[in-house]
Amino acid sequence: MNFLKQLMGGGVPSVTAREVQEKLDANPKPYILDVRHPGEFGAGHISGATLIPLNELSKKMSKLPRNREIICVCRSGARSGMAARQLIAQGFTASNMSGGMLAWERSQLPTKKGSK
């Protein structure tokens, strides 16, 4: 069970979709890192999010800001939990948006469609 919890992103800080929206309305704004596949991202994402699929994260970590909170997002919270864990291990301040974009959409928060 502990392995499953780690796999699903347990043990990393998490924030709800509403908390993410509140953070985006404040300053400084967090860096939103979407770790889904491009097709998923294009179907709907948080405005201003940066797409780096989870399988590319280790190669692109140097492009991420070290002076901002990074909130990791995926469809359900599993991949983003793994991403947050990787970032924390490398010294970043990161958290996982619990429930992912499914929770974001359930909360009726705005999404942007397209690749940017």
PDB file of N, CA and C in Angstrom:
ATOM      1  N   MET A   1       0.818  -1.196   0.000  1.00  0.00           N
ATOM      2  CA  MET A   1       0.000   0.000   0.000  1.00  0.00           C
ATOM      3  C   MET A   1       0.859   1.256   0.000  1.00  0.00           C
ATOM      4  N   ASN A   2       1.961   1.253   0.736  1.00  0.00           N
ATOM      5  CA  ASN A   2       2.844   2.397   0.771  1.00  0.00           C
ATOM      6  C   ASN A   2       3.412   2.691  -0.620  1.00  0.00           C
ATOM      7  N   PHE A   3       3.762   1.629  -1.368  1.00  0.00           N
ATOM      8  CA  PHE A   3       4.267   1.795  -2.729  1.00  0.00           C
ATOM      9  C   PHE A   3       3.222   2.480  -3.598  1.00  0.00           C
ATOM     10  N   LEU A   4       1.975   2.047  -3.479  1.00  0.00           N
ATOM     11  CA  LEU A   4       0.889   2.645  -4.268  1.00  0.00           C
ATOM     12  C   LEU A   4       0.706   4.111  -3.904  1.00  0.00           C
ATOM     13  N   LYS A   5       0.785   4.432  -2.630  1.00  0.00           N
ATOM     14  CA  LYS A   5       0.657   5.819  -2.191  1.00  0.00           C
ATOM     15  C   LYS A   5       1.768   6.669  -2.794  1.00  0.00           C
ATOM     16  N   GLN A   6       3.001   6.154  -2.785  1.00  0.00           N
ATOM     17  CA  GLN A   6       4.120   6.888  -3.376  1.00  0.00           C
ATOM     18  C   GLN A   6       3.920   7.044  -4.871  1.00  0.00           C
ATOM     19  N   LEU A   7       3.484   5.991  -5.536  1.00  0.00           N
ATOM     20  CA  LEU A   7       3.269   6.018  -6.969  1.00  0.00           C
ATOM     21  C   LEU A   7       2.224   7.068  -7.340  1.00  0.00           C
ATOM     22  N   MET A   8       1.200   7.194  -6.534  1.00  0.00           N
ATOM     23  CA  MET A   8       0.110   8.118  -6.818  1.00  0.00           C
ATOM     24  C   MET A   8       0.399   9.538  -6.326  1.00  0.00           C
ATOM     25  N   GLY A   9       1.585   9.784  -5.809  1.00  0.00           N
ATOM     26  CA  GLY A   9       1.947  11.137  -5.424  1.00  0.00           C
ATOM     27  C   GLY A   9       1.753  11.452  -3.961  1.00  0.00           C
ATOM     28  N   GLY A  10       1.456  10.454  -3.145  1.00  0.00           N
ATOM     29  CA  GLY A  10       1.291  10.691  -1.717  1.00  0.00           C
ATOM     30  C   GLY A  10       2.592  11.167  -1.097  1.00  0.00           C
ATOM     31  N   GLY A  11       2.489  11.932  -0.016  1.00  0.00           N
ATOM     32  CA  GLY A  11       3.679  12.393   0.667  1.00  0.00           C
ATOM     33  C   GLY A  11       4.228  13.695   0.130  1.00  0.00           C
ATOM     34  N   VAL A  12       3.595  14.277  -0.884  1.00  0.00           N
ATOM     35  CA  VAL A  12       4.015  15.590  -1.384  1.00  0.00           C
ATOM     36  C   VAL A  12       2.923  16.595  -1.042  1.00  0.00           C
ATOM     37  N   PRO A  13       3.294  17.860  -0.900  1.00  0.00           N
ATOM     38  CA  PRO A  13       2.263  18.863  -0.611  1.00  0.00           C
ATOM     39  C   PRO A  13       1.211  18.884  -1.723  1.00  0.00           C
ATOM     40  N   SER A  14      -0.032  19.073  -1.347  1.00  0.00           N
ATOM     41  CA  SER A  14      -1.079  19.146  -2.360  1.00  0.00           C
ATOM     42  C   SER A  14      -1.960  20.367  -2.122  1.00  0.00           C
ATOM     43  N   VAL A  15      -2.559  20.832  -3.194  1.00  0.00           N
ATOM     44  CA  VAL A  15      -3.477  21.964  -3.153  1.00  0.00           C
ATOM     45  C   VAL A  15      -4.714  21.584  -3.958  1.00  0.00           C
ATOM     46  N   THR A  16      -5.849  22.141  -3.572  1.00  0.00           N
ATOM     47  CA  THR A  16      -7.081  21.881  -4.310  1.00  0.00           C
ATOM     48  C   THR A  16      -7.150  22.790  -5.531  1.00  0.00           C
ATOM     49  N   ALA A  17      -8.059  22.479  -6.429  1.00  0.00           N
ATOM     50  CA  ALA A  17      -8.253  23.311  -7.618  1.00  0.00           C
ATOM     51  C   ALA A  17      -8.627  24.736  -7.214  1.00  0.00           C
ATOM     52  N   ARG A  18      -9.495  24.886  -6.241  1.00  0.00           N
ATOM     53  CA  ARG A  18      -9.896  26.229  -5.781  1.00  0.00           C
ATOM     54  C   ARG A  18      -8.707  26.994  -5.198  1.00  0.00           C
ATOM     55  N   GLU A  19      -7.869  26.292  -4.445  1.00  0.00           N
ATOM     56  CA  GLU A  19      -6.677  26.940  -3.878  1.00  0.00           C
ATOM     57  C   GLU A  19      -5.723  27.394  -4.982  1.00  0.00           C
ATOM     58  N   VAL A  20      -5.613  26.595  -6.043  1.00  0.00           N
ATOM     59  CA  VAL A  20      -4.770  26.987  -7.170  1.00  0.00           C
ATOM     60  C   VAL A  20      -5.322  28.262  -7.800  1.00  0.00           C
ATOM     61  N   GLN A  21      -6.639  28.310  -8.000  1.00  0.00           N
ATOM     62  CA  GLN A  21      -7.241  29.509  -8.586  1.00  0.00           C
ATOM     63  C   GLN A  21      -6.985  30.736  -7.707  1.00  0.00           C
ATOM     64  N   GLU A  22      -7.101  30.572  -6.403  1.00  0.00           N
ATOM     65  CA  GLU A  22      -6.824  31.689  -5.487  1.00  0.00           C
ATOM     66  C   GLU A  22      -5.374  32.147  -5.608  1.00  0.00           C
ATOM     67  N   LYS A  23      -4.453  31.188  -5.728  1.00  0.00           N
ATOM     68  CA  LYS A  23      -3.037  31.531  -5.877  1.00  0.00           C
ATOM     69  C   LYS A  23      -2.782  32.258  -7.191  1.00  0.00           C
ATOM     70  N   LEU A  24      -3.504  31.872  -8.240  1.00  0.00           N
ATOM     71  CA  LEU A  24      -3.337  32.519  -9.542  1.00  0.00           C
ATOM     72  C   LEU A  24      -3.887  33.941  -9.538  1.00  0.00           C
ATOM     73  N   ASP A  25      -4.815  34.219  -8.642  1.00  0.00           N
ATOM     74  CA  ASP A  25      -5.391  35.562  -8.526  1.00  0.00           C
ATOM     75  C   ASP A  25      -4.548  36.471  -7.634  1.00  0.00           C
ATOM     76  N   ALA A  26      -3.511  35.936  -7.018  1.00  0.00           N
ATOM     77  CA  ALA A  26      -2.660  36.689  -6.087  1.00  0.00           C
ATOM     78  C   ALA A  26      -1.266  36.893  -6.700  1.00  0.00           C
ATOM     79  N   ASN A  27      -0.423  37.556  -5.939  1.00  0.00           N
ATOM     80  CA  ASN A  27       0.974  37.717  -6.343  1.00  0.00           C
ATOM     81  C   ASN A  27       1.862  37.294  -5.193  1.00  0.00           C
ATOM     82  N   PRO A  28       2.954  36.610  -5.423  1.00  0.00           N
ATOM     83  CA  PRO A  28       3.391  36.158  -6.735  1.00  0.00           C
ATOM     84  C   PRO A  28       2.582  34.947  -7.203  1.00  0.00           C
ATOM     85  N   LYS A  29       2.382  34.860  -8.501  1.00  0.00           N
ATOM     86  CA  LYS A  29       1.636  33.742  -9.076  1.00  0.00           C
ATOM     87  C   LYS A  29       2.527  32.497  -9.115  1.00  0.00           C
ATOM     88  N   PRO A  30       1.941  31.342  -8.876  1.00  0.00           N
ATOM     89  CA  PRO A  30       2.732  30.110  -9.007  1.00  0.00           C
ATOM     90  C   PRO A  30       2.968  29.777 -10.478  1.00  0.00           C
ATOM     91  N   TYR A  31       3.926  28.945 -10.716  1.00  0.00           N
ATOM     92  CA  TYR A  31       4.217  28.419 -12.051  1.00  0.00           C
ATOM     93  C   TYR A  31       3.393  27.143 -12.190  1.00  0.00           C
ATOM     94  N   ILE A  32       2.516  27.086 -13.171  1.00  0.00           N
ATOM     95  CA  ILE A  32       1.674  25.906 -13.371  1.00  0.00           C
ATOM     96  C   ILE A  32       2.350  25.005 -14.402  1.00  0.00           C
ATOM     97  N   LEU A  33       2.703  23.808 -13.965  1.00  0.00           N
ATOM     98  CA  LEU A  33       3.367  22.828 -14.817  1.00  0.00           C
ATOM     99  C   LEU A  33       2.399  21.692 -15.114  1.00  0.00           C
ATOM    100  N   ASP A  34       1.994  21.582 -16.365  1.00  0.00           N
ATOM    101  CA  ASP A  34       1.078  20.528 -16.806  1.00  0.00           C
ATOM    102  C   ASP A  34       1.923  19.390 -17.353  1.00  0.00           C
ATOM    103  N   VAL A  35       1.793  18.203 -16.794  1.00  0.00           N
ATOM    104  CA  VAL A  35       2.646  17.075 -17.177  1.00  0.00           C
ATOM    105  C   VAL A  35       1.906  16.027 -18.015  1.00  0.00           C
ATOM    106  N   ARG A  36       0.787  16.424 -18.606  1.00  0.00           N
ATOM    107  CA  ARG A  36       0.038  15.498 -19.460  1.00  0.00           C
ATOM    108  C   ARG A  36       0.644  15.455 -20.863  1.00  0.00           C
ATOM    109  N   HIS A  37       0.032  14.678 -21.732  1.00  0.00           N
ATOM    110  CA  HIS A  37       0.438  14.594 -23.130  1.00  0.00           C
ATOM    111  C   HIS A  37      -0.130  15.791 -23.891  1.00  0.00           C
ATOM    112  N   PRO A  38       0.492  16.183 -24.998  1.00  0.00           N
ATOM    113  CA  PRO A  38       0.023  17.344 -25.750  1.00  0.00           C
ATOM    114  C   PRO A  38      -1.459  17.300 -26.134  1.00  0.00           C
ATOM    115  N   GLY A  39      -1.979  16.162 -26.500  1.00  0.00           N
ATOM    116  CA  GLY A  39      -3.390  16.065 -26.859  1.00  0.00           C
ATOM    117  C   GLY A  39      -4.309  16.368 -25.687  1.00  0.00           C
ATOM    118  N   GLU A  40      -3.938  15.889 -24.511  1.00  0.00           N
ATOM    119  CA  GLU A  40      -4.717  16.169 -23.306  1.00  0.00           C
ATOM    120  C   GLU A  40      -4.676  17.661 -22.993  1.00  0.00           C
ATOM    121  N   PHE A  41      -3.487  18.241 -23.100  1.00  0.00           N
ATOM    122  CA  PHE A  41      -3.289  19.662 -22.829  1.00  0.00           C
ATOM    123  C   PHE A  41      -4.138  20.501 -23.783  1.00  0.00           C
ATOM    124  N   GLY A  42      -4.114  20.158 -25.074  1.00  0.00           N
ATOM    125  CA  GLY A  42      -4.859  20.898 -26.071  1.00  0.00           C
ATOM    126  C   GLY A  42      -6.364  20.854 -25.864  1.00  0.00           C
ATOM    127  N   ALA A  43      -6.842  19.767 -25.264  1.00  0.00           N
ATOM    128  CA  ALA A  43      -8.285  19.618 -25.023  1.00  0.00           C
ATOM    129  C   ALA A  43      -8.776  20.526 -23.902  1.00  0.00           C
ATOM    130  N   GLY A  44      -7.880  21.017 -23.077  1.00  0.00           N
ATOM    131  CA  GLY A  44      -8.259  21.937 -22.005  1.00  0.00           C
ATOM    132  C   GLY A  44      -7.218  21.979 -20.919  1.00  0.00           C
ATOM    133  N   HIS A  45      -6.732  23.189 -20.620  1.00  0.00           N
ATOM    134  CA  HIS A  45      -5.704  23.357 -19.593  1.00  0.00           C
ATOM    135  C   HIS A  45      -5.927  24.676 -18.862  1.00  0.00           C
ATOM    136  N   ILE A  46      -5.181  24.864 -17.792  1.00  0.00           N
ATOM    137  CA  ILE A  46      -5.234  26.100 -17.029  1.00  0.00           C
ATOM    138  C   ILE A  46      -4.490  27.168 -17.820  1.00  0.00           C
ATOM    139  N   SER A  47      -5.114  28.314 -17.993  1.00  0.00           N
ATOM    140  CA  SER A  47      -4.490  29.407 -18.730  1.00  0.00           C
ATOM    141  C   SER A  47      -3.136  29.764 -18.115  1.00  0.00           C
ATOM    142  N   GLY A  48      -2.135  29.869 -18.955  1.00  0.00           N
ATOM    143  CA  GLY A  48      -0.795  30.203 -18.488  1.00  0.00           C
ATOM    144  C   GLY A  48       0.051  29.004 -18.113  1.00  0.00           C
ATOM    145  N   ALA A  49      -0.528  27.810 -18.144  1.00  0.00           N
ATOM    146  CA  ALA A  49       0.227  26.598 -17.791  1.00  0.00           C
ATOM    147  C   ALA A  49       1.293  26.312 -18.843  1.00  0.00           C
ATOM    148  N   THR A  50       2.372  25.701 -18.390  1.00  0.00           N
ATOM    149  CA  THR A  50       3.441  25.252 -19.278  1.00  0.00           C
ATOM    150  C   THR A  50       3.346  23.743 -19.395  1.00  0.00           C
ATOM    151  N   LEU A  51       3.395  23.249 -20.620  1.00  0.00           N
ATOM    152  CA  LEU A  51       3.323  21.808 -20.862  1.00  0.00           C
ATOM    153  C   LEU A  51       4.722  21.209 -20.933  1.00  0.00           C
ATOM    154  N   ILE A  52       4.991  20.283 -20.033  1.00  0.00           N
ATOM    155  CA  ILE A  52       6.168  19.416 -20.111  1.00  0.00           C
ATOM    156  C   ILE A  52       5.676  18.029 -19.714  1.00  0.00           C
ATOM    157  N   PRO A  53       5.454  17.143 -20.705  1.00  0.00           N
ATOM    158  CA  PRO A  53       4.980  15.795 -20.360  1.00  0.00           C
ATOM    159  C   PRO A  53       5.903  15.127 -19.342  1.00  0.00           C
ATOM    160  N   LEU A  54       5.321  14.338 -18.469  1.00  0.00           N
ATOM    161  CA  LEU A  54       6.070  13.704 -17.386  1.00  0.00           C
ATOM    162  C   LEU A  54       7.314  12.974 -17.890  1.00  0.00           C
ATOM    163  N   ASN A  55       7.208  12.290 -19.030  1.00  0.00           N
ATOM    164  CA  ASN A  55       8.357  11.533 -19.530  1.00  0.00           C
ATOM    165  C   ASN A  55       9.487  12.430 -20.038  1.00  0.00           C
ATOM    166  N   GLU A  56       9.253  13.747 -20.150  1.00  0.00           N
ATOM    167  CA  GLU A  56      10.294  14.689 -20.582  1.00  0.00           C
ATOM    168  C   GLU A  56      10.807  15.559 -19.427  1.00  0.00           C
ATOM    169  N   LEU A  57      10.197  15.434 -18.262  1.00  0.00           N
ATOM    170  CA  LEU A  57      10.492  16.335 -17.154  1.00  0.00           C
ATOM    171  C   LEU A  57      11.966  16.318 -16.746  1.00  0.00           C
ATOM    172  N   SER A  58      12.550  15.158 -16.611  1.00  0.00           N
ATOM    173  CA  SER A  58      13.940  15.101 -16.142  1.00  0.00           C
ATOM    174  C   SER A  58      14.890  15.809 -17.103  1.00  0.00           C
ATOM    175  N   LYS A  59      14.587  15.816 -18.392  1.00  0.00           N
ATOM    176  CA  LYS A  59      15.443  16.476 -19.385  1.00  0.00           C
ATOM    177  C   LYS A  59      15.231  17.988 -19.423  1.00  0.00           C
ATOM    178  N   LYS A  60      14.072  18.450 -18.945  1.00  0.00           N
ATOM    179  CA  LYS A  60      13.734  19.870 -19.077  1.00  0.00           C
ATOM    180  C   LYS A  60      13.665  20.609 -17.744  1.00  0.00           C
ATOM    181  N   MET A  61      14.092  19.976 -16.672  1.00  0.00           N
ATOM    182  CA  MET A  61      14.033  20.607 -15.348  1.00  0.00           C
ATOM    183  C   MET A  61      14.810  21.912 -15.282  1.00  0.00           C
ATOM    184  N   SER A  62      15.889  22.006 -16.048  1.00  0.00           N
ATOM    185  CA  SER A  62      16.723  23.215 -15.992  1.00  0.00           C
ATOM    186  C   SER A  62      15.969  24.452 -16.490  1.00  0.00           C
ATOM    187  N   LYS A  63      14.871  24.265 -17.194  1.00  0.00           N
ATOM    188  CA  LYS A  63      14.077  25.389 -17.703  1.00  0.00           C
ATOM    189  C   LYS A  63      13.060  25.902 -16.686  1.00  0.00           C
ATOM    190  N   LEU A  64      12.924  25.198 -15.578  1.00  0.00           N
ATOM    191  CA  LEU A  64      11.925  25.570 -14.581  1.00  0.00           C
ATOM    192  C   LEU A  64      12.476  26.593 -13.590  1.00  0.00           C
ATOM    193  N   PRO A  65      11.605  27.473 -13.094  1.00  0.00           N
ATOM    194  CA  PRO A  65      12.063  28.502 -12.152  1.00  0.00           C
ATOM    195  C   PRO A  65      12.317  27.934 -10.758  1.00  0.00           C
ATOM    196  N   ARG A  66      13.406  28.322 -10.173  1.00  0.00           N
ATOM    197  CA  ARG A  66      13.716  27.887  -8.803  1.00  0.00           C
ATOM    198  C   ARG A  66      13.221  28.895  -7.782  1.00  0.00           C
ATOM    199  N   ASN A  67      12.800  30.058  -8.239  1.00  0.00           N
ATOM    200  CA  ASN A  67      12.376  31.118  -7.316  1.00  0.00           C
ATOM    201  C   ASN A  67      10.855  31.274  -7.242  1.00  0.00           C
ATOM    202  N   ARG A  68      10.112  30.308  -7.751  1.00  0.00           N
ATOM    203  CA  ARG A  68       8.648  30.345  -7.698  1.00  0.00           C
ATOM    204  C   ARG A  68       8.110  28.992  -7.274  1.00  0.00           C
ATOM    205  N   GLU A  69       6.948  29.023  -6.661  1.00  0.00           N
ATOM    206  CA  GLU A  69       6.245  27.778  -6.357  1.00  0.00           C
ATOM    207  C   GLU A  69       5.795  27.152  -7.669  1.00  0.00           C
ATOM    208  N   ILE A  70       6.012  25.857  -7.814  1.00  0.00           N
ATOM    209  CA  ILE A  70       5.561  25.123  -8.996  1.00  0.00           C
ATOM    210  C   ILE A  70       4.411  24.228  -8.577  1.00  0.00           C
ATOM    211  N   ILE A  71       3.287  24.368  -9.257  1.00  0.00           N
ATOM    212  CA  ILE A  71       2.143  23.499  -9.011  1.00  0.00           C
ATOM    213  C   ILE A  71       2.017  22.568 -10.202  1.00  0.00           C
ATOM    214  N   CYS A  72       2.105  21.275  -9.936  1.00  0.00           N
ATOM    215  CA  CYS A  72       2.050  20.258 -10.979  1.00  0.00           C
ATOM    216  C   CYS A  72       0.610  19.806 -11.186  1.00  0.00           C
ATOM    217  N   VAL A  73       0.242  19.645 -12.459  1.00  0.00           N
ATOM    218  CA  VAL A  73      -1.134  19.311 -12.841  1.00  0.00           C
ATOM    219  C   VAL A  73      -1.113  18.189 -13.869  1.00  0.00           C
ATOM    220  N   CYS A  74      -2.066  17.274 -13.743  1.00  0.00           N
ATOM    221  CA  CYS A  74      -2.302  16.264 -14.777  1.00  0.00           C
ATOM    222  C   CYS A  74      -3.811  16.022 -14.849  1.00  0.00           C
ATOM    223  N   ARG A  75      -4.232  14.894 -15.350  1.00  0.00           N
ATOM    224  CA  ARG A  75      -5.663  14.619 -15.473  1.00  0.00           C
ATOM    225  C   ARG A  75      -6.311  14.367 -14.117  1.00  0.00           C
ATOM    226  N   SER A  76      -5.676  13.493 -13.296  1.00  0.00           N
ATOM    227  CA  SER A  76      -6.316  13.071 -12.050  1.00  0.00           C
ATOM    228  C   SER A  76      -5.493  13.345 -10.794  1.00  0.00           C
ATOM    229  N   GLY A  77      -4.233  13.706 -10.952  1.00  0.00           N
ATOM    230  CA  GLY A  77      -3.361  13.958  -9.803  1.00  0.00           C
ATOM    231  C   GLY A  77      -2.282  12.917  -9.611  1.00  0.00           C
ATOM    232  N   ALA A  78      -2.315  11.827 -10.365  1.00  0.00           N
ATOM    233  CA  ALA A  78      -1.311  10.770 -10.190  1.00  0.00           C
ATOM    234  C   ALA A  78       0.029  11.157 -10.817  1.00  0.00           C
ATOM    235  N   ARG A  79       0.030  11.489 -12.106  1.00  0.00           N
ATOM    236  CA  ARG A  79       1.289  11.868 -12.770  1.00  0.00           C
ATOM    237  C   ARG A  79       1.866  13.139 -12.160  1.00  0.00           C
ATOM    238  N   SER A  80       0.991  14.084 -11.837  1.00  0.00           N
ATOM    239  CA  SER A  80       1.490  15.339 -11.259  1.00  0.00           C
ATOM    240  C   SER A  80       2.085  15.110  -9.873  1.00  0.00           C
ATOM    241  N   GLY A  81       1.586  14.131  -9.148  1.00  0.00           N
ATOM    242  CA  GLY A  81       2.191  13.779  -7.864  1.00  0.00           C
ATOM    243  C   GLY A  81       3.599  13.254  -8.048  1.00  0.00           C
ATOM    244  N   MET A  82       3.784  12.429  -9.082  1.00  0.00           N
ATOM    245  CA  MET A  82       5.126  11.917  -9.383  1.00  0.00           C
ATOM    246  C   MET A  82       6.047  13.059  -9.805  1.00  0.00           C
ATOM    247  N   ALA A  83       5.511  14.000 -10.599  1.00  0.00           N
ATOM    248  CA  ALA A  83       6.316  15.147 -11.039  1.00  0.00           C
ATOM    249  C   ALA A  83       6.726  15.998  -9.847  1.00  0.00           C
ATOM    250  N   ALA A  84       5.794  16.277  -8.955  1.00  0.00           N
ATOM    251  CA  ALA A  84       6.101  17.090  -7.777  1.00  0.00           C
ATOM    252  C   ALA A  84       7.181  16.410  -6.935  1.00  0.00           C
ATOM    253  N   ARG A  85       7.087  15.114  -6.788  1.00  0.00           N
ATOM    254  CA  ARG A  85       8.092  14.370  -6.022  1.00  0.00           C
ATOM    255  C   ARG A  85       9.478  14.513  -6.668  1.00  0.00           C
ATOM    256  N   GLN A  86       9.554  14.397  -7.980  1.00  0.00           N
ATOM    257  CA  GLN A  86      10.836  14.555  -8.685  1.00  0.00           C
ATOM    258  C   GLN A  86      11.397  15.959  -8.476  1.00  0.00           C
ATOM    259  N   LEU A  87      10.532  16.962  -8.586  1.00  0.00           N
ATOM    260  CA  LEU A  87      10.979  18.346  -8.429  1.00  0.00           C
ATOM    261  C   LEU A  87      11.477  18.613  -7.011  1.00  0.00           C
ATOM    262  N   ILE A  88      10.741  18.146  -6.026  1.00  0.00           N
ATOM    263  CA  ILE A  88      11.142  18.341  -4.628  1.00  0.00           C
ATOM    264  C   ILE A  88      12.504  17.690  -4.377  1.00  0.00           C
ATOM    265  N   ALA A  89      12.713  16.512  -4.950  1.00  0.00           N
ATOM    266  CA  ALA A  89      13.989  15.812  -4.786  1.00  0.00           C
ATOM    267  C   ALA A  89      15.150  16.612  -5.383  1.00  0.00           C
ATOM    268  N   GLN A  90      14.852  17.485  -6.332  1.00  0.00           N
ATOM    269  CA  GLN A  90      15.883  18.312  -6.965  1.00  0.00           C
ATOM    270  C   GLN A  90      15.948  19.715  -6.371  1.00  0.00           C
ATOM    271  N   GLY A  91      15.223  19.948  -5.268  1.00  0.00           N
ATOM    272  CA  GLY A  91      15.322  21.219  -4.563  1.00  0.00           C
ATOM    273  C   GLY A  91      14.313  22.285  -4.950  1.00  0.00           C
ATOM    274  N   PHE A  92      13.352  21.945  -5.790  1.00  0.00           N
ATOM    275  CA  PHE A  92      12.304  22.893  -6.160  1.00  0.00           C
ATOM    276  C   PHE A  92      11.228  22.950  -5.076  1.00  0.00           C
ATOM    277  N   THR A  93      10.492  24.048  -5.034  1.00  0.00           N
ATOM    278  CA  THR A  93       9.308  24.152  -4.188  1.00  0.00           C
ATOM    279  C   THR A  93       8.131  23.756  -5.074  1.00  0.00           C
ATOM    280  N   ALA A  94       7.566  22.578  -4.827  1.00  0.00           N
ATOM    281  CA  ALA A  94       6.529  22.057  -5.709  1.00  0.00           C
ATOM    282  C   ALA A  94       5.392  21.435  -4.914  1.00  0.00           C
ATOM    283  N   SER A  95       4.218  21.444  -5.525  1.00  0.00           N
ATOM    284  CA  SER A  95       3.058  20.769  -4.947  1.00  0.00           C
ATOM    285  C   SER A  95       2.234  20.150  -6.069  1.00  0.00           C
ATOM    286  N   ASN A  96       1.323  19.305  -5.675  1.00  0.00           N
ATOM    287  CA  ASN A  96       0.458  18.577  -6.595  1.00  0.00           C
ATOM    288  C   ASN A  96      -0.964  19.118  -6.482  1.00  0.00           C
ATOM    289  N   MET A  97      -1.599  19.404  -7.632  1.00  0.00           N
ATOM    290  CA  MET A  97      -3.007  19.792  -7.589  1.00  0.00           C
ATOM    291  C   MET A  97      -3.834  18.517  -7.481  1.00  0.00           C
ATOM    292  N   SER A  98      -4.394  18.292  -6.302  1.00  0.00           N
ATOM    293  CA  SER A  98      -5.135  17.064  -6.051  1.00  0.00           C
ATOM    294  C   SER A  98      -6.367  16.986  -6.949  1.00  0.00           C
ATOM    295  N   GLY A  99      -6.572  15.820  -7.516  1.00  0.00           N
ATOM    296  CA  GLY A  99      -7.716  15.602  -8.393  1.00  0.00           C
ATOM    297  C   GLY A  99      -7.498  16.055  -9.823  1.00  0.00           C
ATOM    298  N   GLY A 100      -6.390  16.751 -10.076  1.00  0.00           N
ATOM    299  CA  GLY A 100      -6.024  17.148 -11.427  1.00  0.00           C
ATOM    300  C   GLY A 100      -7.075  17.983 -12.142  1.00  0.00           C
ATOM    301  N   MET A 101      -7.018  17.921 -13.468  1.00  0.00           N
ATOM    302  CA  MET A 101      -7.952  18.699 -14.285  1.00  0.00           C
ATOM    303  C   MET A 101      -9.390  18.220 -14.121  1.00  0.00           C
ATOM    304  N   LEU A 102      -9.566  16.981 -13.695  1.00  0.00           N
ATOM    305  CA  LEU A 102     -10.929  16.512 -13.419  1.00  0.00           C
ATOM    306  C   LEU A 102     -11.540  17.339 -12.289  1.00  0.00           C
ATOM    307  N   ALA A 103     -10.757  17.600 -11.239  1.00  0.00           N
ATOM    308  CA  ALA A 103     -11.235  18.418 -10.120  1.00  0.00           C
ATOM    309  C   ALA A 103     -11.405  19.872 -10.549  1.00  0.00           C
ATOM    310  N   TRP A 104     -10.493  20.361 -11.378  1.00  0.00           N
ATOM    311  CA  TRP A 104     -10.577  21.735 -11.895  1.00  0.00           C
ATOM    312  C   TRP A 104     -11.901  21.930 -12.644  1.00  0.00           C
ATOM    313  N   GLU A 105     -12.216  20.994 -13.523  1.00  0.00           N
ATOM    314  CA  GLU A 105     -13.447  21.084 -14.312  1.00  0.00           C
ATOM    315  C   GLU A 105     -14.681  20.897 -13.434  1.00  0.00           C
ATOM    316  N   ARG A 106     -14.619  19.989 -12.450  1.00  0.00           N
ATOM    317  CA  ARG A 106     -15.749  19.809 -11.523  1.00  0.00           C
ATOM    318  C   ARG A 106     -16.022  21.086 -10.741  1.00  0.00           C
ATOM    319  N   SER A 107     -14.962  21.846 -10.485  1.00  0.00           N
ATOM    320  CA  SER A 107     -15.107  23.111  -9.756  1.00  0.00           C
ATOM    321  C   SER A 107     -15.553  24.245 -10.675  1.00  0.00           C
ATOM    322  N   GLN A 108     -15.754  23.920 -11.936  1.00  0.00           N
ATOM    323  CA  GLN A 108     -16.216  24.884 -12.945  1.00  0.00           C
ATOM    324  C   GLN A 108     -15.274  26.075 -13.089  1.00  0.00           C
ATOM    325  N   LEU A 109     -13.978  25.787 -13.007  1.00  0.00           N
ATOM    326  CA  LEU A 109     -12.966  26.824 -13.197  1.00  0.00           C
ATOM    327  C   LEU A 109     -12.631  26.909 -14.684  1.00  0.00           C
ATOM    328  N   PRO A 110     -12.156  28.061 -15.147  1.00  0.00           N
ATOM    329  CA  PRO A 110     -11.959  28.254 -16.590  1.00  0.00           C
ATOM    330  C   PRO A 110     -10.801  27.430 -17.153  1.00  0.00           C
ATOM    331  N   THR A 111     -11.029  26.905 -18.339  1.00  0.00           N
ATOM    332  CA  THR A 111      -9.985  26.179 -19.054  1.00  0.00           C
ATOM    333  C   THR A 111      -9.755  26.868 -20.398  1.00  0.00           C
ATOM    334  N   LYS A 112      -8.568  26.672 -20.887  1.00  0.00           N
ATOM    335  CA  LYS A 112      -8.197  27.204 -22.199  1.00  0.00           C
ATOM    336  C   LYS A 112      -7.957  26.023 -23.111  1.00  0.00           C
ATOM    337  N   LYS A 113      -8.429  26.099 -24.331  1.00  0.00           N
ATOM    338  CA  LYS A 113      -8.222  25.018 -25.299  1.00  0.00           C
ATOM    339  C   LYS A 113      -7.142  25.433 -26.282  1.00  0.00           C
ATOM    340  N   GLY A 114      -6.456  24.447 -26.839  1.00  0.00           N
ATOM    341  CA  GLY A 114      -5.388  24.717 -27.795  1.00  0.00           C
ATOM    342  C   GLY A 114      -4.041  24.430 -27.197  1.00  0.00           C
ATOM    343  N   SER A 115      -3.023  24.576 -28.020  1.00  0.00           N
ATOM    344  CA  SER A 115      -1.682  24.176 -27.590  1.00  0.00           C
ATOM    345  C   SER A 115      -0.925  25.268 -26.835  1.00  0.00           C
ATOM    346  N   LYS A 116      -1.487  26.443 -26.672  1.00  0.00           N
ATOM    347  CA  LYS A 116      -0.791  27.517 -25.947  1.00  0.00           C
ATOM    348  C   LYS A 116      -1.684  28.126 -24.913  1.00  0.00           C
TER     349      LYS A 116
END
